Amino acid sequence: MAVRPIVRYPNPVLKARAEEVPPGPDADALVRDLLDTMEASPACVGLAAPQIGVGARAFCLDVSSHRKARSTHGLIVMLNPVIVARKGRAVMREGCMSLPDITANVARAEEIVVVGFDPEERPMMIEAEGFEARAFQHEIDHCHGALFLDRVSSLASDVFPRKRYAR
């Protein structure tokens, strides 16, 4: 159990496709570190393994306290996630702890269905919408080596300096 430093762009782990996570003691330790690091990070609603320097397809998220969340599943820890359905499209401002000084307008699906496994290797299927669906897509992008900047339409008109930081 440890709070790990957040890896910042341009660290290569953020742009590499992460490997699947087999269940076991290493996965358990990774999950504990993700949860400890997320809990220690103000305003963090999601954290993927590459953001703590581990090239593994795992993340945790919890949007339940975010003002933009209309619906939520609470704290989610998912290994080897795959988005199997998407619906709708909306543009919303996003930020990322690995790119802490900027935000950007990013188009993402409004509703998604995600499958994966919990840390005990039980299958999970989650239908998410709105802000929670956006958070899932953001974290799964990290597992694929993509950052939110890879999703903006225009680097010239859709990227902004961050105006305030969470405390």
Foldseek 3Di string as FASTA:
>chain_A
DDQAAFAAPPPVLQQAQADFDDADDVLVVLVVNQVVNQVVFFPRFKDASVRRPHRFQKMWGACPPPPFAPDTPGIDIFTPKDWDDFAAKDWDWDDDPNHHFKIFTFIDGQWTWMWGAGNVRHIDIDIDGTPVRVRVVQRSCSNGSDHRVVGHPDPVPTMGTDPDDGD
